[in-house]
Amino acid sequence: MANVVVVGAQWGDEGKGKIVDWLSEQADVVVRFQGGHNAGHTLVIDGATYKLSLLPSGVVRGKLSVIGNGVVLDPQALIDEIERLETQGLKVTPDILRIASNVPLIVPLHRELDAAREASNAGTRIGTTKRGIGPAYEDKVGRRAIRLMDLAEPDTLPAKVERLLAHHNALRRGLGMEEVEARTLVEALRAIAPRVLPFMDAVWRLLDDARRAGRRILFEGAQGALLDVDHGTYPFVTSSSTVAGAAAAGCGLGPGAIDYVLGIAKAYTTRVGEGPFPTELHDEMGARIGEKGREFGVVTGRKRRCGWFDAVLVRQTVSTSGIDGIALTKLDILDGFDEIKICVGYKLDGHEIDHLPASEGGQARVEPIYETFEGWSQSTAGARSWVDLPAQAIKYVRRVEELTGAPVAILSTSPERNDTILVRNPFEG
């Protein structure tokens, strides 16, 4: 049986929630391996809508769900999300949720620093969610993070907090912010410890045992591969690695545990926040796509920028994440357009290129080269087989496959989980 990694093949918001839910029903274990509560999944199950930010999608199905060490965990956000689910009749207990003991924690000073930076006129605004994700990852790499296991050792916690504040209070003084008292932060961490420590586990061992027992593991990525800190549109990226290879490091399993990588891509392109977007539409067409697609962020509510499908970028993601197949979502949003375009290459300073350059300046200057397709008037919404699709829609999907170098394994035609054309089940290899 295969273990599957799901990654966003664009800038996030590709519709991973529905696909991950469909896969999680078949999985035995669902793992979050990077990011934090800055990313969101919307799951629609039997008419009920669940919005998840930090918790793996498996909790909705009662599957063993794991938050790996590659995540940054806001303990208060975790408790709040668990309580929200309980109001919908879902109880999240340690029987179904386990959290890596070495996961770094997000504390209030991380959120405050994130917000201060975004509000500053100095430097570049990244367009973060201001939830402290970036500063928490900085502390992890800087070897001063407070980790979940530290809450289980209250006597040594004050020294670790002092180590953290030696860095942060210097930053806060420079930004004109009030310093944080060590005692206040220690008390807050000790107060929340009893609520999160019951979920703590040696996740690497838990998952290794599951793998050896032949249990199906679904690795659930947040955001999109184009926001990867190495391979994305730097510096307009997130602070973690969002490509498929991060699944192994982000939970403590070796790369041999990954059998299939499924990339999720919209039939068009969207982006939230700042940064380059070669196919962005600033006209009525872009507004029409956004309105039809209801393009607003799950976590932030921010309006998403919209544009045509960029095959150049998805082709790069296929390479950097080792994508075996694509789940193409929201095809129905393109219904009724007279013409549809696909970006097949770029022009940079008068020369044609077949990839997005790594430099910030080059990314800002590229111009898309388009192929234009005749649209279709028939509805694809709710289609569950190829015979339900207009010929032009099928032609469009086949061209996406050719240009990206990856087959379409799943085609989604509405938010409803059953409105799906399954070409290949990733769990069956």
Protein backbone atom coordinates (compact mmCIF):
# COMPACT_ATOMS: atom_id res chain seq x y z
CA MET A 1 0.00 0.00 0.00
CA ALA A 2 1.21 3.49 -0.87
CA ASN A 3 1.92 6.45 1.39
CA VAL A 4 0.87 9.70 -0.27
CA VAL A 5 2.11 13.29 0.01
CA VAL A 6 -0.30 16.05 -1.01
CA VAL A 7 1.22 19.41 -1.94
CA GLY A 8 -0.17 22.58 -3.43
CA ALA A 9 1.29 23.03 -6.91
CA GLN A 10 0.74 26.80 -7.03
CA TRP A 11 0.65 29.52 -4.33
CA GLY A 12 -1.79 27.70 -2.08
CA ASP A 13 -5.59 27.85 -1.97
CA GLU A 14 -5.76 25.21 -4.71
CA GLY A 15 -8.67 23.34 -3.15
CA LYS A 16 -6.63 20.84 -1.16
CA GLY A 17 -9.36 20.48 1.48
CA LYS A 18 -11.72 18.41 -0.63
CA ILE A 19 -8.97 16.22 -2.08
CA VAL A 20 -7.30 15.67 1.28
CA ASP A 21 -10.65 14.76 2.84
CA TRP A 22 -11.33 12.25 0.08
CA LEU A 23 -7.89 10.71 0.59
CA SER A 24 -8.08 10.85 4.39
CA GLU A 25 -11.12 8.58 4.30
CA GLN A 26 -8.84 5.93 2.79
CA ALA A 27 -5.85 6.69 5.02
CA ASP A 28 -5.09 5.25 8.44
CA VAL A 29 -2.93 8.19 9.55
CA VAL A 30 -2.94 11.84 8.42
CA VAL A 31 0.15 14.00 9.05
CA ARG A 32 0.72 17.77 8.92
CA PHE A 33 4.43 18.28 8.28
CA GLN A 34 5.00 22.06 7.88
CA GLY A 35 3.45 25.48 8.34
CA GLY A 36 1.17 26.54 11.14
CA HIS A 37 -2.27 28.05 11.60
CA ASN A 38 -1.60 30.44 8.72
CA ALA A 39 -3.04 28.01 6.18
CA GLY A 40 -6.60 26.74 5.97
CA HIS A 41 -8.57 23.83 4.56
CA THR A 42 -12.31 23.88 4.03
CA LEU A 43 -14.00 20.48 4.20
CA VAL A 44 -17.62 19.94 3.21
CA ILE A 45 -18.95 16.65 4.60
CA ASP A 46 -22.62 15.66 4.43
CA GLY A 47 -23.56 19.30 4.02
CA ALA A 48 -21.53 20.46 7.04
CA THR A 49 -18.59 22.82 6.52
CA TYR A 50 -15.46 22.49 8.64
CA LYS A 51 -12.68 25.06 8.51
CA LEU A 52 -9.31 23.78 9.71
CA SER A 53 -6.11 25.77 10.10
CA LEU A 54 -3.74 23.77 12.25
CA LEU A 55 -5.36 20.39 12.78
CA PRO A 56 -4.83 17.66 10.17
CA SER A 57 -7.91 16.90 8.10
CA GLY A 58 -8.09 13.38 9.48
CA VAL A 59 -9.61 14.61 12.76
CA VAL A 60 -12.92 15.19 10.98
CA ARG A 61 -12.98 11.53 9.98
CA GLY A 62 -11.81 10.24 13.37
CA LYS A 63 -8.51 9.08 11.88
CA LEU A 64 -5.21 9.18 13.77
CA SER A 65 -3.94 12.68 13.05
CA VAL A 66 -0.38 13.84 13.64
CA ILE A 67 1.25 17.28 13.86
CA GLY A 68 4.90 16.80 12.96
CA ASN A 69 8.02 18.59 14.11
CA GLY A 70 8.14 20.63 10.89
CA VAL A 71 5.06 22.57 12.01
CA VAL A 72 5.19 25.61 14.31
CA LEU A 73 2.46 25.23 16.91
CA ASP A 74 0.49 28.02 18.53
CA PRO A 75 -0.89 26.22 21.61
CA GLN A 76 -3.71 28.71 22.12
CA ALA A 77 -4.73 28.50 18.44
CA LEU A 78 -4.75 24.70 18.81
CA ILE A 79 -7.07 24.81 21.81
CA ASP A 80 -9.34 27.36 20.11
CA GLU A 81 -9.62 25.20 16.99
CA ILE A 82 -10.38 22.09 19.04
CA GLU A 83 -13.12 23.98 20.89
CA ARG A 84 -14.62 25.25 17.62
CA LEU A 85 -14.86 21.70 16.32
CA GLU A 86 -16.49 20.58 19.54
CA THR A 87 -19.30 23.09 18.95
CA GLN A 88 -19.89 21.21 15.69
CA GLY A 89 -20.07 17.88 17.49
CA LEU A 90 -16.49 16.71 16.85
CA LYS A 91 -14.44 15.79 19.90
CA VAL A 92 -10.66 15.83 19.45
CA THR A 93 -8.91 13.64 22.02
CA PRO A 94 -5.36 12.26 22.40
CA ASP A 95 -6.68 9.03 20.92
CA ILE A 96 -6.87 10.68 17.50
CA LEU A 97 -4.44 13.63 17.77
CA ARG A 98 -0.72 13.32 18.49
CA ILE A 99 1.81 16.16 18.40
CA ALA A 100 5.57 15.84 18.03
CA SER A 101 7.36 16.51 21.31
CA ASN A 102 9.99 18.55 19.45
CA VAL A 103 7.54 20.88 17.68
CA PRO A 104 8.48 24.59 18.15
CA LEU A 105 5.89 26.82 19.79
CA ILE A 106 4.46 30.14 18.66
CA VAL A 107 4.08 32.50 21.61
CA PRO A 108 2.47 35.97 21.71
CA LEU A 109 5.72 37.84 21.06
CA HIS A 110 5.99 36.08 17.70
CA ARG A 111 2.62 37.43 16.59
CA GLU A 112 3.50 40.91 17.83
CA LEU A 113 6.79 40.95 15.95
CA ASP A 114 5.13 39.67 12.78
CA ALA A 115 2.50 42.41 12.91
CA ALA A 116 5.07 45.11 13.66
CA ARG A 117 7.16 44.15 10.66
CA GLU A 118 4.17 44.09 8.32
CA ALA A 119 3.06 47.50 9.56
CA SER A 120 6.52 49.03 9.15
CA ASN A 121 7.41 51.15 6.13
CA ALA A 122 10.98 49.85 6.28
CA GLY A 123 11.96 46.93 4.10
CA THR A 124 9.61 44.78 2.06
CA ARG A 125 6.09 43.82 3.07
CA ILE A 126 5.69 40.11 2.49
CA GLY A 127 1.95 39.97 3.05
CA THR A 128 2.05 37.49 5.94
CA THR A 129 -0.98 36.47 7.97
CA LYS A 130 0.59 38.17 11.05
CA ARG A 131 0.20 34.96 13.05
CA GLY A 132 3.84 34.70 14.10
CA ILE A 133 4.82 31.92 11.74
CA GLY A 134 7.99 33.50 10.35
CA PRO A 135 9.40 34.71 13.70
CA ALA A 136 8.77 31.26 15.21
CA TYR A 137 10.72 29.56 12.42
CA GLU A 138 13.51 32.12 12.88
CA ASP A 139 13.78 31.11 16.53
CA LYS A 140 13.82 27.44 15.59
CA VAL A 141 16.76 27.95 13.25
CA GLY A 142 18.37 30.32 15.77
CA ARG A 143 18.26 27.50 18.38
CA ARG A 144 16.34 29.49 20.94
CA ALA A 145 12.80 28.17 20.37
CA ILE A 146 10.53 26.96 23.15
CA ARG A 147 9.42 23.45 22.14
CA LEU A 148 6.46 21.42 23.31
CA MET A 149 8.66 19.12 25.38
CA ASP A 150 9.88 22.15 27.34
CA LEU A 151 6.41 22.58 28.84
CA ALA A 152 6.84 19.17 30.48
CA GLU A 153 9.90 20.48 32.36
CA PRO A 154 8.57 23.53 34.23
CA ASP A 155 11.68 23.92 36.38
CA THR A 156 13.93 24.51 33.37
CA LEU A 157 11.42 26.65 31.48
CA PRO A 158 12.50 30.04 32.97
CA ALA A 159 16.06 29.67 31.67
CA LYS A 160 14.78 28.81 28.19
CA VAL A 161 12.46 31.80 28.20
CA GLU A 162 15.35 34.06 29.24
CA ARG A 163 17.37 32.74 26.31
CA LEU A 164 14.47 33.57 23.96
CA LEU A 165 13.96 37.04 25.41
CA ALA A 166 17.64 37.96 25.19
CA HIS A 167 17.05 38.04 21.45
CA HIS A 168 13.49 39.35 21.29
CA ASN A 169 13.72 42.15 23.80
CA ALA A 170 16.67 43.59 21.90
CA LEU A 171 14.53 43.50 18.74
CA ARG A 172 11.60 45.06 20.54
CA ARG A 173 13.72 47.90 21.87
CA GLY A 174 14.87 48.64 18.34
CA LEU A 175 11.27 48.66 17.11
CA GLY A 176 10.09 50.86 19.96
CA MET A 177 8.02 48.06 21.48
CA GLU A 178 7.60 47.33 25.16
CA GLU A 179 9.84 44.54 26.43
CA VAL A 180 8.38 41.20 27.51
CA GLU A 181 8.77 40.14 31.12
CA ALA A 182 10.09 36.60 31.49
CA ARG A 183 7.79 35.87 34.42
CA THR A 184 4.68 36.76 32.39
CA LEU A 185 5.62 34.45 29.52
CA VAL A 186 6.62 31.59 31.83
CA GLU A 187 3.30 31.81 33.65
CA ALA A 188 1.35 31.78 30.39
CA LEU A 189 3.21 28.70 29.16
CA ARG A 190 2.78 26.86 32.45
CA ALA A 191 -0.94 27.67 32.40
CA ILE A 192 -1.57 26.21 28.96
CA ALA A 193 0.76 23.20 29.38
CA PRO A 194 -1.87 20.86 30.91
CA ARG A 195 -4.14 21.42 27.93
CA VAL A 196 -1.61 20.51 25.22
CA LEU A 197 0.82 18.06 26.85
CA PRO A 198 -1.68 15.14 26.76
CA PHE A 199 -1.31 15.20 22.95
CA MET A 200 2.52 14.99 23.00
CA ASP A 201 4.26 11.95 21.54
CA ALA A 202 7.46 10.72 19.90
CA VAL A 203 5.91 11.13 16.47
CA TRP A 204 8.85 9.70 14.53
CA ARG A 205 8.44 6.39 16.35
CA LEU A 206 4.65 6.41 16.09
CA LEU A 207 4.83 6.87 12.33
CA ASP A 208 7.63 4.37 11.87
CA ASP A 209 5.53 1.75 13.67
CA ALA A 210 2.54 2.64 11.48
CA ARG A 211 4.61 2.35 8.31
CA ARG A 212 6.07 -1.01 9.31
CA ALA A 213 2.58 -2.26 10.10
CA GLY A 214 1.52 -1.43 6.54
CA ARG A 215 -0.85 1.38 7.51
CA ARG A 216 -1.64 4.01 4.88
CA ILE A 217 -0.13 7.40 5.71
CA LEU A 218 -1.30 10.65 4.14
CA PHE A 219 1.12 13.58 4.42
CA GLU A 220 -0.87 16.80 4.22
CA GLY A 221 0.97 19.90 3.04
CA ALA A 222 -0.15 23.44 3.77
CA GLN A 223 0.11 26.45 1.44
CA GLY A 224 1.73 25.81 -1.97
CA ALA A 225 5.09 24.82 -3.39
CA LEU A 226 5.57 28.28 -4.92
CA LEU A 227 5.69 29.63 -1.36
CA ASP A 228 8.59 27.34 -0.46
CA VAL A 229 11.39 29.22 1.30
CA ASP A 230 13.95 27.82 -1.18
CA HIS A 231 12.03 27.11 -4.37
CA GLY A 232 9.31 29.75 -4.20
CA THR A 233 9.08 33.40 -5.25
CA TYR A 234 11.57 34.58 -2.61
CA PRO A 235 11.31 36.76 -0.55
CA PHE A 236 7.51 36.61 -1.01
CA VAL A 237 7.33 33.13 0.46
CA THR A 238 6.45 31.40 3.70
CA SER A 239 9.12 30.46 6.24
CA SER A 240 9.01 26.69 5.83
CA SER A 241 9.68 24.20 3.08
CA THR A 242 6.41 23.42 1.33
CA VAL A 243 7.66 20.98 -1.31
CA ALA A 244 7.03 17.25 -1.01
CA GLY A 245 10.52 16.45 0.25
CA ALA A 246 9.70 18.33 3.46
CA ALA A 247 7.21 15.62 4.39
CA ALA A 248 10.01 13.31 5.48
CA ALA A 249 12.02 15.82 7.49
CA GLY A 250 8.88 17.39 8.92
CA CYS A 251 7.75 14.27 10.76
CA GLY A 252 10.85 12.14 11.23
CA LEU A 253 10.41 9.50 8.54
CA GLY A 254 12.92 8.80 5.80
CA PRO A 255 12.22 9.70 2.16
CA GLY A 256 11.69 6.03 1.35
CA ALA A 257 8.37 6.25 3.18
CA ILE A 258 6.93 8.38 0.36
CA ASP A 259 5.40 6.39 -2.48
CA TYR A 260 3.29 8.91 -4.40
CA VAL A 261 3.18 12.71 -4.63
CA LEU A 262 -0.11 14.33 -5.61
CA GLY A 263 0.03 17.99 -6.63
CA ILE A 264 -3.14 20.05 -6.33
CA ALA A 265 -3.63 22.77 -8.95
CA LYS A 266 -6.51 25.01 -9.88
CA ALA A 267 -7.59 25.20 -13.50
CA TYR A 268 -6.55 28.87 -13.22
CA THR A 269 -4.17 30.62 -10.81
CA THR A 270 -4.64 32.62 -7.63
CA ARG A 271 -2.39 34.25 -5.08
CA VAL A 272 -2.91 35.98 -1.71
CA GLY A 273 -0.57 38.71 -0.52
CA GLU A 274 2.41 40.35 -2.15
CA GLY A 275 4.83 39.03 -4.75
CA PRO A 276 5.17 38.29 -8.47
CA PHE A 277 2.25 36.82 -10.39
CA PRO A 278 3.02 36.68 -14.14
CA THR A 279 -0.51 35.76 -15.32
CA GLU A 280 -2.44 38.04 -12.97
CA LEU A 281 -5.46 39.70 -14.56
CA HIS A 282 -6.19 43.24 -13.44
CA ASP A 283 -9.26 43.56 -15.64
CA GLU A 284 -12.89 42.49 -15.70
CA MET A 285 -11.84 38.93 -16.59
CA GLY A 286 -9.81 38.60 -13.39
CA ALA A 287 -12.71 39.97 -11.37
CA ARG A 288 -15.09 37.51 -13.04
CA ILE A 289 -12.88 34.53 -12.18
CA GLY A 290 -12.58 35.71 -8.59
CA GLU A 291 -16.33 36.20 -8.24
CA LYS A 292 -17.23 32.83 -9.77
CA GLY A 293 -14.54 31.04 -7.76
CA ARG A 294 -15.38 32.82 -4.49
CA GLU A 295 -11.73 33.60 -4.08
CA PHE A 296 -11.31 34.69 -0.49
CA GLY A 297 -8.80 33.21 1.97
CA VAL A 298 -10.08 30.60 4.45
CA VAL A 299 -7.92 31.92 7.30
CA THR A 300 -7.65 35.64 6.57
CA GLY A 301 -10.69 36.39 4.42
CA ARG A 302 -8.40 38.34 2.11
CA LYS A 303 -9.39 38.65 -1.54
CA ARG A 304 -7.22 36.52 -3.80
CA ARG A 305 -5.53 37.81 -6.92
CA CYS A 306 -6.64 35.85 -10.01
CA GLY A 307 -5.14 34.98 -13.38
CA TRP A 308 -4.86 32.36 -16.11
CA PHE A 309 -3.31 28.92 -15.55
CA ASP A 310 0.49 29.18 -15.54
CA ALA A 311 1.88 25.92 -16.90
CA VAL A 312 5.45 27.15 -16.53
CA LEU A 313 5.14 27.44 -12.77
CA VAL A 314 3.28 24.16 -12.31
CA ARG A 315 5.89 22.41 -14.47
CA GLN A 316 8.58 23.70 -12.11
CA THR A 317 6.60 22.44 -9.12
CA VAL A 318 6.24 19.03 -10.75
CA SER A 319 10.03 18.92 -10.80
CA THR A 320 10.84 20.39 -7.39
CA SER A 321 8.24 18.25 -5.60
CA GLY A 322 8.55 15.12 -7.71
CA ILE A 323 4.83 15.20 -8.48
CA ASP A 324 3.48 11.91 -9.88
CA GLY A 325 -0.01 13.15 -10.67
CA ILE A 326 -2.13 16.29 -10.51
CA ALA A 327 -5.52 16.85 -8.95
CA LEU A 328 -6.98 19.62 -11.11
CA THR A 329 -9.65 21.59 -9.25
CA LYS A 330 -12.28 24.21 -10.06
CA LEU A 331 -12.57 23.37 -13.74
CA ASP A 332 -16.23 24.41 -13.51
CA ILE A 333 -15.23 28.03 -12.78
CA LEU A 334 -14.09 28.32 -16.40
CA ASP A 335 -17.51 27.35 -17.75
CA GLY A 336 -19.01 29.98 -20.05
CA PHE A 337 -15.82 31.79 -21.07
CA ASP A 338 -15.52 32.51 -24.80
CA GLU A 339 -11.74 32.18 -24.62
CA ILE A 340 -9.38 30.64 -22.09
CA LYS A 341 -5.63 31.16 -21.95
CA ILE A 342 -2.71 29.11 -20.67
CA CYS A 343 0.74 30.54 -20.05
CA VAL A 344 3.26 28.35 -21.89
CA GLY A 345 6.43 30.42 -21.49
CA TYR A 346 7.82 33.83 -20.54
CA LYS A 347 9.62 36.72 -22.12
CA LEU A 348 12.36 38.28 -20.02
CA ASP A 349 14.17 41.35 -21.34
CA GLY A 350 13.23 40.42 -24.90
CA HIS A 351 14.24 36.74 -24.65
CA GLU A 352 11.97 33.72 -24.37
CA ILE A 353 12.55 31.48 -21.33
CA ASP A 354 10.85 28.31 -20.11
CA HIS A 355 11.09 28.79 -16.34
CA LEU A 356 10.64 31.41 -13.65
CA PRO A 357 14.03 32.90 -12.78
CA ALA A 358 15.20 32.74 -9.16
CA SER A 359 16.00 36.46 -8.92
CA GLU A 360 13.45 38.84 -7.46
CA GLY A 361 14.01 41.34 -10.25
CA GLY A 362 13.66 38.74 -12.98
CA GLN A 363 10.46 37.40 -11.47
CA ALA A 364 8.99 40.89 -11.46
CA ARG A 365 9.88 41.53 -15.12
CA VAL A 366 8.75 38.33 -16.83
CA GLU A 367 5.88 38.60 -19.28
CA PRO A 368 3.61 35.62 -20.01
CA ILE A 369 3.39 33.96 -23.41
CA TYR A 370 -0.12 32.60 -23.91
CA GLU A 371 -1.88 29.92 -25.89
CA THR A 372 -5.55 30.74 -26.45
CA PHE A 373 -8.26 28.08 -26.35
CA GLU A 374 -11.85 28.19 -27.41
CA GLY A 375 -14.03 28.04 -24.32
CA TRP A 376 -17.13 25.94 -23.70
CA SER A 377 -20.69 26.94 -22.91
CA GLN A 378 -21.88 23.68 -21.34
CA SER A 379 -21.58 23.23 -17.59
CA THR A 380 -18.90 20.96 -16.16
CA ALA A 381 -20.17 21.45 -12.60
CA GLY A 382 -20.84 18.13 -10.94
CA ALA A 383 -19.35 16.02 -13.74
CA ARG A 384 -18.29 12.57 -12.54
CA SER A 385 -16.99 11.02 -15.75
CA TRP A 386 -15.21 12.14 -18.90
CA VAL A 387 -18.37 11.66 -20.99
CA ASP A 388 -20.02 14.40 -18.90
CA LEU A 389 -17.44 16.96 -20.05
CA PRO A 390 -17.59 19.16 -23.15
CA ALA A 391 -14.98 18.33 -25.79
CA GLN A 392 -13.25 21.67 -25.33
CA ALA A 393 -12.93 21.12 -21.59
CA ILE A 394 -11.28 17.75 -22.19
CA LYS A 395 -8.95 19.40 -24.71
CA TYR A 396 -8.00 21.98 -22.09
CA VAL A 397 -7.24 19.31 -19.46
CA ARG A 398 -5.13 17.31 -21.93
CA ARG A 399 -3.10 20.40 -22.79
CA VAL A 400 -2.49 21.05 -19.09
CA GLU A 401 -1.09 17.52 -18.84
CA GLU A 402 1.19 18.03 -21.85
CA LEU A 403 2.53 21.36 -20.65
CA THR A 404 3.12 20.39 -17.02
CA GLY A 405 4.54 16.94 -17.72
CA ALA A 406 2.24 15.26 -15.19
CA PRO A 407 -0.99 13.33 -15.75
CA VAL A 408 -4.25 14.47 -14.21
CA ALA A 409 -5.03 11.79 -11.63
CA ILE A 410 -8.10 13.51 -10.19
CA LEU A 411 -10.40 16.11 -11.74
CA SER A 412 -12.62 18.08 -9.38
CA THR A 413 -15.76 19.73 -10.74
CA SER A 414 -17.32 21.23 -7.59
CA PRO A 415 -16.64 21.54 -3.85
CA GLU A 416 -18.75 18.43 -3.21
CA ARG A 417 -16.52 15.42 -2.63
CA ASN A 418 -18.41 13.11 -5.01
CA ASP A 419 -18.20 15.56 -7.91
CA THR A 420 -14.87 14.10 -8.93
CA ILE A 421 -13.47 12.22 -11.90
CA LEU A 422 -10.95 9.69 -10.61
CA VAL A 423 -8.35 8.60 -13.13
CA ARG A 424 -5.88 7.10 -10.68
CA ASN A 425 -6.13 6.50 -6.94
CA PRO A 426 -2.82 7.68 -5.41
CA PHE A 427 -3.09 5.12 -2.60
CA GLU A 428 -3.05 2.35 -5.16
CA GLY A 429 0.31 3.50 -6.49
